[in-house]
Amino acid sequence: MTQPLSQDTNRPKHDAVKRDPRFTVMAVSGLLALGLGATAVLLPSPYVVESPGPTFNTIGEVNGEPLITVEGRETFPTDGALDLTTVFVAGGPGQTISVFDAFRAWADPAQAVTPRELVYPPDVSESDIEEQNAEAMTSSQESAVAAALAHLEIPYGETLSVVGFAPDSAAEGILQEGDQLTLIDGEPIESLEPLKEALNAAGGKSVDITVARNGETVVESVKPLLGESGDYQLGVFLMSEFEFPFEVDIALNNVGGPSAGMMFALGIVDTLTEGQLTGGRHFAGTGTIDSSGAVGPIGGIRQKLVGASESGAEVFLAPAANCTEVVGHIPDGLRVIRVETLDDAVTAVRTLGEDNDDGAQLPSCEDPA
């Protein structure tokens, strides 16, 4: 009879194998390095990442509603696009990005990685930023309306009030917060531009500033100082309050900051002007604007160029002060025009919107300043 075999019947005999201790050390070291690497990737980083955000056509619609509406004044049909551009910011107050996200952004030329302390003060909160951006957006919209009306020679009212003083201010201790500026050397201060012109015309000599203060009219003498821009300044922060002859509403939520001012103004000009300013072409741009129509620099210009290109824009209107950041970073197929004022921007759009005009005479960021 055949006997059943036990489990050990035919198992060969072997001596116990001794594990090399170096293998254990290497395995533990590898696991430790892997763990540290994973932890580093998941840890928050002290950086802010800027990437291209969405664009919005100021002469188009948002969520089925016109972005710009005017009541109390005749408007005209528009065509084409005048896109404002945005930047998406990750890693600001109340947010964190991982080291992995920061490294990934560094590898992407369309994104910018910046130490957080260079972008935001250390004690600012997320709600502070949201409030500041909302206030800047409201102010930029009002200034855009004022600039557009001034370009179209439509009268409106503007009052300037002192809300603070710059370091080494020429007027601190003379003017007071809340003072409403009414006259300079006897001439009406109807907007910011006449004030600037009068200060420069004085050439650094003392000027008489008439203000409304606590229900009284007061005249103060101030000797302006020459600023870094080459203009004579009082060294005060001014708040503009406007009185427009009709209502202009700009419906754009969840977008903050002042950088859409120029494109808002262009959209308003096109809406109030007979004919189609763009000629049906697709423009995009960015830039702050004041009531006099001066276009100022903004942040994130390279990301905005990418966003404009991805949205199909043919031409980008860039503030002259941002041109050094633009050169060498223009997406293929996108033409960049340098602008300093709303008049420059309107001229560029109208010129390129006309049939058979390539706008060869228009300044670009690559041209000598």
Protein backbone atom coordinates (compact mmCIF):
# COMPACT_ATOMS: atom_id res chain seq x y z
CA MET A 1 0.00 0.00 0.00
CA THR A 2 1.28 3.36 -0.84
CA GLN A 3 1.80 5.51 2.22
CA PRO A 4 0.60 9.18 2.13
CA LEU A 5 3.38 11.67 2.22
CA SER A 6 3.65 14.23 4.95
CA GLN A 7 4.38 17.87 4.10
CA ASP A 8 8.01 17.36 5.00
CA THR A 9 8.57 14.02 3.29
CA ASN A 10 10.44 15.32 0.22
CA ARG A 11 11.38 18.93 1.37
CA PRO A 12 15.11 19.45 0.94
CA LYS A 13 17.10 20.41 3.96
CA HIS A 14 18.59 23.99 3.90
CA ASP A 15 20.59 25.96 6.36
CA ALA A 16 18.98 29.21 7.61
CA VAL A 17 19.82 32.20 5.34
CA LYS A 18 21.37 35.15 7.16
CA ARG A 19 20.12 38.64 5.95
CA ASP A 20 22.84 41.15 5.13
CA PRO A 21 22.40 44.07 7.65
CA ARG A 22 23.30 46.53 4.90
CA PHE A 23 20.10 45.60 3.09
CA THR A 24 18.04 46.57 6.13
CA VAL A 25 19.81 49.90 6.44
CA MET A 26 19.26 50.67 2.76
CA ALA A 27 15.60 49.70 2.93
CA VAL A 28 14.96 51.85 5.99
CA SER A 29 16.83 54.79 4.42
CA GLY A 30 14.82 54.46 1.21
CA LEU A 31 11.52 54.39 3.06
CA LEU A 32 12.59 57.38 5.15
CA ALA A 33 13.59 59.35 2.04
CA LEU A 34 10.30 58.43 0.37
CA GLY A 35 8.37 59.55 3.42
CA LEU A 36 10.25 62.83 3.68
CA GLY A 37 9.74 63.46 -0.03
CA ALA A 38 6.02 62.81 0.21
CA THR A 39 5.78 65.07 3.26
CA ALA A 40 7.66 67.87 1.47
CA VAL A 41 5.36 67.59 -1.55
CA LEU A 42 2.27 67.83 0.63
CA LEU A 43 3.54 70.59 2.94
CA PRO A 44 2.30 74.13 2.24
CA SER A 45 4.80 76.39 0.52
CA PRO A 46 5.37 80.12 1.17
CA TYR A 47 4.67 81.05 -2.45
CA VAL A 48 1.95 82.59 -4.57
CA VAL A 49 1.21 81.21 -8.04
CA GLU A 50 -0.26 83.44 -10.74
CA SER A 51 -1.83 81.80 -13.78
CA PRO A 52 -3.96 83.00 -16.71
CA GLY A 53 -7.56 83.69 -15.70
CA PRO A 54 -10.73 84.02 -17.77
CA THR A 55 -11.46 86.95 -20.08
CA PHE A 56 -14.69 88.95 -20.27
CA ASN A 57 -15.92 90.88 -23.29
CA THR A 58 -16.87 94.37 -22.11
CA ILE A 59 -19.16 94.85 -25.12
CA GLY A 60 -20.61 91.36 -24.74
CA GLU A 61 -22.63 89.46 -22.18
CA VAL A 62 -21.93 87.68 -18.90
CA ASN A 63 -24.42 84.99 -17.86
CA GLY A 64 -26.80 86.16 -20.56
CA GLU A 65 -26.79 89.81 -19.48
CA PRO A 66 -24.87 92.74 -21.05
CA LEU A 67 -21.68 93.45 -19.11
CA ILE A 68 -22.25 97.20 -19.65
CA THR A 69 -25.70 98.79 -19.65
CA VAL A 70 -26.54 102.47 -20.03
CA GLU A 71 -29.80 104.14 -19.00
CA GLY A 72 -30.73 107.69 -19.90
CA ARG A 73 -28.51 107.99 -22.98
CA GLU A 74 -28.73 106.65 -26.52
CA THR A 75 -26.58 103.57 -27.15
CA PHE A 76 -25.51 101.82 -30.34
CA PRO A 77 -24.95 98.19 -31.41
CA THR A 78 -21.45 96.80 -30.98
CA ASP A 79 -19.56 93.96 -32.59
CA GLY A 80 -16.31 92.06 -32.05
CA ALA A 81 -14.73 91.88 -28.60
CA LEU A 82 -12.97 94.16 -26.15
CA ASP A 83 -11.86 91.62 -23.56
CA LEU A 84 -10.67 92.50 -20.09
CA THR A 85 -8.13 89.97 -18.87
CA THR A 86 -7.66 88.47 -15.42
CA VAL A 87 -5.13 86.53 -13.38
CA PHE A 88 -5.95 83.62 -11.07
CA VAL A 89 -3.92 83.81 -7.84
CA ALA A 90 -3.37 80.75 -5.65
CA GLY A 91 -1.60 80.76 -2.30
CA GLY A 92 -2.69 84.14 -0.97
CA PRO A 93 -4.00 84.88 2.55
CA GLY A 94 -6.28 82.09 3.75
CA GLN A 95 -4.96 79.74 1.04
CA THR A 96 -1.99 77.42 0.71
CA ILE A 97 -0.35 75.61 -2.17
CA SER A 98 1.88 72.58 -1.84
CA VAL A 99 5.57 72.43 -2.69
CA PHE A 100 4.58 70.14 -5.57
CA ASP A 101 2.19 72.80 -6.92
CA ALA A 102 4.93 75.42 -6.68
CA PHE A 103 7.44 73.22 -8.56
CA ARG A 104 4.85 72.41 -11.21
CA ALA A 105 4.14 76.12 -11.70
CA TRP A 106 7.88 76.88 -11.97
CA ALA A 107 8.03 74.47 -14.88
CA ASP A 108 5.16 76.21 -16.70
CA PRO A 109 6.17 79.44 -18.53
CA ALA A 110 2.54 80.61 -18.43
CA GLN A 111 2.63 80.78 -14.62
CA ALA A 112 4.59 82.90 -12.17
CA VAL A 113 5.78 81.84 -8.70
CA THR A 114 6.49 84.62 -6.20
CA PRO A 115 7.29 84.58 -2.46
CA ARG A 116 4.10 85.44 -0.61
CA GLU A 117 5.71 88.23 1.43
CA LEU A 118 6.51 90.12 -1.78
CA VAL A 119 2.85 90.13 -2.77
CA TYR A 120 0.93 90.44 0.51
CA PRO A 121 1.78 92.15 3.82
CA PRO A 122 2.27 89.57 6.62
CA ASP A 123 -0.70 90.78 8.69
CA VAL A 124 -3.30 91.00 5.90
CA SER A 125 -6.24 88.58 5.95
CA GLU A 126 -8.27 86.99 3.18
CA SER A 127 -11.23 89.23 4.01
CA ASP A 128 -8.95 92.30 3.89
CA ILE A 129 -7.83 91.36 0.37
CA GLU A 130 -11.40 90.74 -0.78
CA GLU A 131 -12.51 94.11 0.60
CA GLN A 132 -9.58 95.95 -0.99
CA ASN A 133 -10.17 94.28 -4.36
CA ALA A 134 -13.87 95.09 -4.25
CA GLU A 135 -13.18 98.73 -3.44
CA ALA A 136 -10.56 98.94 -6.20
CA MET A 137 -13.00 97.44 -8.71
CA THR A 138 -15.74 99.93 -7.78
CA SER A 139 -13.30 102.83 -8.01
CA SER A 140 -11.96 101.64 -11.38
CA GLN A 141 -15.48 101.40 -12.78
CA GLU A 142 -16.29 104.96 -11.73
CA SER A 143 -13.01 106.24 -13.14
CA ALA A 144 -13.69 104.32 -16.37
CA VAL A 145 -17.07 106.02 -16.77
CA ALA A 146 -15.48 109.43 -16.10
CA ALA A 147 -12.63 108.79 -18.58
CA ALA A 148 -15.06 107.59 -21.26
CA LEU A 149 -17.30 110.62 -20.84
CA ALA A 150 -14.31 112.96 -20.93
CA HIS A 151 -13.11 111.30 -24.15
CA LEU A 152 -16.57 111.78 -25.65
CA GLU A 153 -16.70 115.38 -24.32
CA ILE A 154 -19.79 114.67 -22.23
CA PRO A 155 -19.81 116.94 -19.14
CA TYR A 156 -19.98 115.44 -15.63
CA GLY A 157 -19.19 116.55 -12.10
CA GLU A 158 -16.19 115.49 -10.01
CA THR A 159 -15.15 116.51 -6.52
CA LEU A 160 -11.78 115.70 -4.93
CA SER A 161 -11.41 115.14 -1.20
CA VAL A 162 -8.29 114.51 0.90
CA VAL A 163 -8.26 111.02 2.42
CA GLY A 164 -4.61 110.78 3.50
CA PHE A 165 -1.04 111.98 3.11
CA ALA A 166 2.00 110.51 1.40
CA PRO A 167 5.37 110.25 3.18
CA ASP A 168 7.18 113.63 3.11
CA SER A 169 3.94 115.27 1.99
CA ALA A 170 4.06 118.96 1.10
CA ALA A 171 0.54 119.48 2.43
CA GLU A 172 0.51 117.51 5.67
CA GLY A 173 -0.21 119.85 8.57
CA ILE A 174 -1.73 122.36 6.15
CA LEU A 175 -4.58 120.48 4.49
CA GLN A 176 -6.75 118.11 6.51
CA GLU A 177 -8.41 114.78 5.84
CA GLY A 178 -11.92 115.46 4.59
CA ASP A 179 -10.97 118.75 2.87
CA GLN A 180 -12.78 119.09 -0.45
CA LEU A 181 -10.59 120.86 -3.02
CA THR A 182 -12.50 123.54 -4.91
CA LEU A 183 -10.00 126.09 -6.31
CA ILE A 184 -6.28 126.36 -7.08
CA ASP A 185 -5.01 129.92 -7.41
CA GLY A 186 -8.61 130.98 -7.95
CA GLU A 187 -9.32 128.51 -10.78
CA PRO A 188 -11.94 125.75 -10.36
CA ILE A 189 -10.72 122.22 -9.70
CA GLU A 190 -13.27 120.35 -11.80
CA SER A 191 -11.26 117.12 -12.00
CA LEU A 192 -7.83 115.68 -11.28
CA GLU A 193 -6.29 116.83 -14.56
CA PRO A 194 -6.72 120.62 -14.04
CA LEU A 195 -5.18 120.21 -10.59
CA LYS A 196 -2.12 118.44 -12.05
CA GLU A 197 -1.78 121.05 -14.79
CA ALA A 198 -1.96 123.95 -12.33
CA LEU A 199 0.65 122.39 -10.01
CA ASN A 200 3.08 121.86 -12.88
CA ALA A 201 2.43 125.34 -14.25
CA ALA A 202 3.41 126.80 -10.87
CA GLY A 203 6.84 125.19 -11.30
CA GLY A 204 7.32 124.53 -7.59
CA LYS A 205 6.09 127.90 -6.36
CA SER A 206 3.48 128.03 -3.60
CA VAL A 207 -0.14 127.72 -4.71
CA ASP A 208 -3.32 128.76 -2.93
CA ILE A 209 -5.68 125.84 -2.42
CA THR A 210 -9.28 126.69 -1.55
CA VAL A 211 -11.08 123.93 0.33
CA ALA A 212 -14.48 123.28 1.84
CA ARG A 213 -13.80 122.30 5.46
CA ASN A 214 -16.50 121.63 8.06
CA GLY A 215 -18.99 123.84 6.24
CA GLU A 216 -16.53 126.71 5.80
CA THR A 217 -14.38 127.94 2.91
CA VAL A 218 -10.67 127.99 3.79
CA VAL A 219 -7.67 129.05 1.69
CA GLU A 220 -4.33 127.37 2.40
CA SER A 221 -0.93 128.02 0.80
CA VAL A 222 1.08 124.93 -0.15
CA LYS A 223 4.51 124.67 -1.81
CA PRO A 224 4.38 121.55 -4.05
CA LEU A 225 7.28 119.10 -4.20
CA LEU A 226 8.73 117.56 -7.35
CA GLY A 227 7.81 113.86 -7.48
CA GLU A 228 9.72 110.95 -9.00
CA SER A 229 7.42 111.11 -12.03
CA GLY A 230 8.66 114.63 -12.84
CA ASP A 231 5.36 116.23 -11.82
CA TYR A 232 4.83 118.64 -8.94
CA GLN A 233 2.64 117.15 -6.23
CA LEU A 234 0.83 118.10 -3.03
CA GLY A 235 1.59 114.70 -1.53
CA VAL A 236 -2.04 113.91 -0.68
CA PHE A 237 -4.25 110.93 -1.40
CA LEU A 238 -7.46 112.07 -3.04
CA MET A 239 -10.85 110.40 -3.37
CA SER A 240 -12.98 111.30 -6.38
CA GLU A 241 -16.74 111.49 -6.17
CA PHE A 242 -18.58 111.72 -9.47
CA GLU A 243 -21.93 113.00 -10.60
CA PHE A 244 -22.77 111.57 -14.01
CA PRO A 245 -25.59 112.81 -16.28
CA PHE A 246 -26.87 109.25 -16.84
CA GLU A 247 -26.45 105.80 -15.34
CA VAL A 248 -23.80 103.31 -16.44
CA ASP A 249 -23.93 99.87 -14.83
CA ILE A 250 -21.12 97.33 -15.08
CA ALA A 251 -22.24 93.82 -14.13
CA LEU A 252 -19.18 91.75 -13.26
CA ASN A 253 -19.02 89.71 -10.07
CA ASN A 254 -16.16 87.76 -8.48
CA VAL A 255 -13.50 89.88 -10.19
CA GLY A 256 -11.58 92.43 -8.14
CA GLY A 257 -8.85 95.00 -8.48
CA PRO A 258 -8.36 98.09 -10.64
CA SER A 259 -6.72 96.58 -13.73
CA ALA A 260 -9.87 96.36 -15.88
CA GLY A 261 -10.37 100.14 -15.92
CA MET A 262 -9.10 100.82 -19.42
CA MET A 263 -11.13 98.01 -21.00
CA PHE A 264 -14.27 99.16 -19.16
CA ALA A 265 -13.71 102.66 -20.56
CA LEU A 266 -13.24 101.30 -24.09
CA GLY A 267 -16.45 99.31 -23.78
CA ILE A 268 -18.35 102.39 -22.62
CA VAL A 269 -16.94 104.49 -25.48
CA ASP A 270 -17.98 101.85 -28.02
CA THR A 271 -21.45 101.52 -26.48
CA LEU A 272 -22.04 105.29 -26.66
CA THR A 273 -20.53 105.78 -30.12
CA GLU A 274 -22.35 105.24 -33.40
CA GLY A 275 -20.70 102.59 -35.55
CA GLN A 276 -18.63 99.59 -34.53
CA LEU A 277 -15.33 100.61 -32.99
CA THR A 278 -13.68 97.20 -33.37
CA GLY A 279 -14.76 96.49 -36.95
CA GLY A 280 -15.71 93.05 -35.68
CA ARG A 281 -12.17 92.17 -34.58
CA HIS A 282 -11.14 90.55 -31.29
CA PHE A 283 -9.17 92.84 -28.96
CA ALA A 284 -8.03 92.27 -25.39
CA GLY A 285 -6.10 94.38 -22.92
CA THR A 286 -5.48 95.58 -19.41
CA GLY A 287 -4.54 98.71 -17.48
CA THR A 288 -5.76 100.95 -14.71
CA ILE A 289 -7.33 104.25 -15.62
CA ASP A 290 -8.00 107.54 -13.87
CA SER A 291 -10.68 110.11 -14.63
CA SER A 292 -8.29 112.00 -16.92
CA GLY A 293 -7.84 108.89 -19.09
CA ALA A 294 -4.26 108.07 -18.07
CA VAL A 295 -3.54 104.34 -18.32
CA GLY A 296 -1.44 102.84 -15.53
CA PRO A 297 0.54 99.61 -15.05
CA ILE A 298 -0.83 96.38 -13.62
CA GLY A 299 0.44 93.04 -12.33
CA GLY A 300 0.42 89.68 -14.06
CA ILE A 301 0.86 91.06 -17.58
CA ARG A 302 2.48 87.86 -18.90
CA GLN A 303 -0.35 85.70 -17.63
CA LYS A 304 -2.86 88.10 -19.16
CA LEU A 305 -1.13 87.85 -22.54
CA VAL A 306 -1.51 84.07 -22.42
CA GLY A 307 -5.16 84.34 -21.35
CA ALA A 308 -5.89 86.77 -24.19
CA SER A 309 -4.24 84.50 -26.75
CA GLU A 310 -6.12 81.45 -25.50
CA SER A 311 -9.43 83.36 -25.77
CA GLY A 312 -8.75 84.09 -29.45
CA ALA A 313 -7.68 87.74 -29.26
CA GLU A 314 -5.74 89.15 -32.22
CA VAL A 315 -4.54 92.37 -30.58
CA PHE A 316 -3.56 93.16 -26.99
CA LEU A 317 -3.51 96.70 -25.56
CA ALA A 318 -0.76 96.95 -22.93
CA PRO A 319 0.11 99.85 -20.60
CA ALA A 320 3.35 101.48 -21.70
CA ALA A 321 4.76 101.05 -18.18
CA ASN A 322 4.45 97.24 -18.51
CA CYS A 323 6.27 96.98 -21.84
CA THR A 324 9.58 95.79 -20.37
CA GLU A 325 7.73 92.75 -18.97
CA VAL A 326 6.03 92.10 -22.29
CA VAL A 327 9.04 91.92 -24.62
CA GLY A 328 10.06 88.32 -25.24
CA HIS A 329 6.84 86.91 -23.77
CA ILE A 330 4.29 87.59 -26.51
CA PRO A 331 2.35 84.47 -27.59
CA ASP A 332 2.49 83.58 -31.27
CA GLY A 333 -0.17 85.31 -33.32
CA LEU A 334 -0.85 88.06 -30.78
CA ARG A 335 0.00 91.67 -31.59
CA VAL A 336 0.72 94.00 -28.66
CA ILE A 337 0.05 97.75 -28.89
CA ARG A 338 1.53 100.16 -26.33
CA VAL A 339 -0.93 102.68 -24.84
CA GLU A 340 -0.55 105.49 -22.34
CA THR A 341 -4.03 107.02 -22.45
CA LEU A 342 -7.60 106.09 -23.30
CA ASP A 343 -7.23 108.22 -26.43
CA ASP A 344 -4.33 105.97 -27.49
CA ALA A 345 -6.45 102.87 -26.91
CA VAL A 346 -9.45 104.21 -28.85
CA THR A 347 -7.18 105.26 -31.73
CA ALA A 348 -5.58 101.79 -31.86
CA VAL A 349 -8.90 99.94 -31.86
CA ARG A 350 -10.50 102.27 -34.39
CA THR A 351 -7.45 102.15 -36.69
CA LEU A 352 -7.16 98.37 -36.66
CA GLY A 353 -10.93 98.01 -36.93
CA GLU A 354 -10.99 99.90 -40.21
CA ASP A 355 -10.85 97.92 -43.43
CA ASN A 356 -7.44 97.54 -45.04
CA ASP A 357 -5.56 99.35 -42.27
CA ASP A 358 -2.80 97.29 -40.68
CA GLY A 359 -2.01 100.03 -38.16
CA ALA A 360 1.68 99.99 -39.02
CA GLN A 361 2.06 103.41 -37.41
CA LEU A 362 0.76 102.26 -34.03
CA PRO A 363 3.41 101.92 -31.29
CA SER A 364 4.28 98.48 -29.96
CA CYS A 365 6.10 97.37 -26.84
CA GLU A 366 9.09 96.39 -28.99
CA ASP A 367 9.49 99.96 -30.31
CA PRO A 368 11.97 102.30 -28.61
CA ALA A 369 10.23 104.29 -25.88
